[in-house]
Amino acid sequence: MTTVTTSAAPASTEAPPETIYAAIGGRAAVTAAVDGLYRRLLADPQLNSFFPNGVAARHRAYFITIMGEALGGPERYRGPDLVAAHRRLGITNAQFDRTAGHLDATLDELGVPRHLADQIIAIVASLRPAIVTG
């Protein structure tokens, strides 16, 4: 008689790690954060000149998609190259930092837990080389 054994690992009972995207509330939360950020940017006299005609729906949609993908959501950004899109704007490190501060304040206003907000800001900070051109 032959004994058959298997070496299959037992099924894991652990849930996969939750993404930041899921932890903050998914697309609705990302959309609220982007809308809050743009509201702050448009009200900031040091940054609103980047949006002389307000924020176009396409630009808003691109940013929601970029953030959704970066935070582990199902979105996939298929917009213009970030470097090319920002090259002519001459955005400085100080302006980037000011924008990040507005994002941080927006996340706080929305009640995003500090540890998640810090992770989101770190992810956004990784985009600095593509955005800062001045």
Protein backbone atom coordinates (compact mmCIF):
# COMPACT_ATOMS: atom_id res chain seq x y z
CA MET A 1 0.00 0.00 0.00
CA THR A 2 1.35 3.45 -0.92
CA THR A 3 0.81 6.39 1.38
CA VAL A 4 0.29 9.72 -0.32
CA THR A 5 1.29 12.81 1.55
CA THR A 6 0.93 16.38 0.54
CA SER A 7 3.08 19.27 1.50
CA ALA A 8 0.49 21.92 0.85
CA ALA A 9 0.57 24.63 3.45
CA PRO A 10 -2.58 25.03 5.49
CA ALA A 11 -4.88 27.80 4.31
CA SER A 12 -3.97 31.07 5.93
CA THR A 13 -6.53 32.52 8.28
CA GLU A 14 -4.85 35.92 8.22
CA ALA A 15 -6.50 38.64 6.18
CA PRO A 16 -4.26 40.40 3.70
CA PRO A 17 -2.89 43.67 5.04
CA GLU A 18 -5.27 46.56 4.58
CA THR A 19 -4.15 49.27 2.18
CA ILE A 20 -4.05 52.92 3.18
CA TYR A 21 -6.71 53.41 0.51
CA ALA A 22 -9.08 51.01 2.28
CA ALA A 23 -8.15 52.21 5.76
CA ILE A 24 -9.14 55.80 5.03
CA GLY A 25 -12.41 54.93 3.29
CA GLY A 26 -11.57 54.25 -0.36
CA ARG A 27 -12.40 56.43 -3.33
CA ALA A 28 -14.86 58.62 -1.41
CA ALA A 29 -12.17 59.54 1.11
CA VAL A 30 -9.54 60.18 -1.56
CA THR A 31 -12.01 62.37 -3.44
CA ALA A 32 -12.81 64.32 -0.26
CA ALA A 33 -9.09 64.81 0.41
CA VAL A 34 -8.41 66.03 -3.13
CA ASP A 35 -11.39 68.38 -3.02
CA GLY A 36 -10.30 69.74 0.37
CA LEU A 37 -6.75 70.21 -0.84
CA TYR A 38 -7.84 72.12 -3.92
CA ARG A 39 -10.14 74.30 -1.82
CA ARG A 40 -7.10 75.24 0.30
CA LEU A 41 -4.81 75.75 -2.70
CA LEU A 42 -7.29 78.05 -4.41
CA ALA A 43 -7.60 80.10 -1.21
CA ASP A 44 -3.82 80.38 -0.76
CA PRO A 45 -2.47 83.59 -2.34
CA GLN A 46 0.98 82.02 -2.65
CA LEU A 47 -0.30 79.02 -4.63
CA ASN A 48 -3.55 79.97 -6.35
CA SER A 49 -1.71 81.48 -9.33
CA PHE A 50 -1.07 77.90 -10.48
CA PHE A 51 -4.82 77.62 -11.04
CA PRO A 52 -5.82 80.87 -12.81
CA ASN A 53 -9.05 79.32 -14.10
CA GLY A 54 -9.74 77.13 -11.08
CA VAL A 55 -9.25 73.38 -11.11
CA ALA A 56 -10.32 71.62 -14.28
CA ALA A 57 -12.38 68.45 -13.85
CA ARG A 58 -9.74 66.48 -15.76
CA HIS A 59 -6.94 67.70 -13.47
CA ARG A 60 -9.02 66.79 -10.40
CA ALA A 61 -9.73 63.32 -11.85
CA TYR A 62 -6.04 62.76 -12.59
CA PHE A 63 -5.09 63.66 -9.03
CA ILE A 64 -7.78 61.40 -7.54
CA THR A 65 -6.48 58.54 -9.69
CA ILE A 66 -2.81 59.18 -8.84
CA MET A 67 -3.61 59.27 -5.13
CA GLY A 68 -5.86 56.23 -5.34
CA GLU A 69 -3.17 54.18 -7.02
CA ALA A 70 -0.41 55.44 -4.71
CA LEU A 71 -2.44 54.51 -1.63
CA GLY A 72 -3.07 50.95 -2.82
CA GLY A 73 -6.47 51.34 -4.44
CA PRO A 74 -7.63 49.82 -7.70
CA GLU A 75 -7.14 53.00 -9.73
CA ARG A 76 -4.45 53.12 -12.40
CA TYR A 77 -3.15 56.50 -13.53
CA ARG A 78 -3.09 56.87 -17.29
CA GLY A 79 -2.71 60.63 -17.56
CA PRO A 80 0.13 62.77 -18.82
CA ASP A 81 3.67 62.23 -17.64
CA LEU A 82 4.03 64.08 -14.33
CA VAL A 83 7.43 65.56 -15.14
CA ALA A 84 6.28 66.89 -18.51
CA ALA A 85 3.01 68.20 -17.06
CA HIS A 86 4.78 70.20 -14.32
CA ARG A 87 8.01 71.20 -16.11
CA ARG A 88 6.84 74.61 -17.31
CA LEU A 89 5.25 75.57 -13.98
CA GLY A 90 8.50 76.24 -12.11
CA ILE A 91 7.20 74.81 -8.83
CA THR A 92 9.74 75.33 -6.03
CA ASN A 93 10.52 73.14 -3.04
CA ALA A 94 8.90 75.76 -0.80
CA GLN A 95 5.69 75.65 -2.84
CA PHE A 96 5.71 71.86 -2.79
CA ASP A 97 6.17 71.90 0.99
CA ARG A 98 3.35 74.44 1.38
CA THR A 99 1.07 72.22 -0.69
CA ALA A 100 2.02 69.20 1.43
CA GLY A 101 1.13 71.25 4.51
CA HIS A 102 -2.29 71.95 3.03
CA LEU A 103 -2.75 68.24 2.34
CA ASP A 104 -1.76 67.43 5.91
CA ALA A 105 -4.28 69.96 7.25
CA THR A 106 -6.96 68.55 4.95
CA LEU A 107 -6.32 64.99 6.15
CA ASP A 108 -6.50 66.22 9.74
CA GLU A 109 -9.77 68.04 9.00
CA LEU A 110 -11.18 64.81 7.54
CA GLY A 111 -10.22 62.85 10.66
CA VAL A 112 -7.58 60.66 9.03
CA PRO A 113 -5.57 59.05 11.85
CA ARG A 114 -2.12 60.62 12.28
CA HIS A 115 -0.20 57.44 11.44
CA LEU A 116 -2.06 57.14 8.13
CA ALA A 117 -1.76 60.85 7.35
CA ASP A 118 2.01 60.61 7.90
CA GLN A 119 2.19 57.69 5.47
CA ILE A 120 0.15 59.61 2.88
CA ILE A 121 2.40 62.67 3.19
CA ALA A 122 5.47 60.43 2.77
CA ILE A 123 3.97 58.94 -0.40
CA VAL A 124 3.23 62.40 -1.78
CA ALA A 125 6.75 63.53 -0.84
CA SER A 126 8.12 60.80 -3.10
CA LEU A 127 6.60 62.70 -6.05
CA ARG A 128 8.79 65.76 -5.35
CA PRO A 129 11.31 65.01 -8.17
CA ALA A 130 8.49 64.91 -10.72
CA ILE A 131 6.74 68.07 -9.50
CA VAL A 132 9.47 70.48 -8.39
CA THR A 133 10.98 72.15 -11.43
CA GLY A 134 11.87 75.62 -10.19
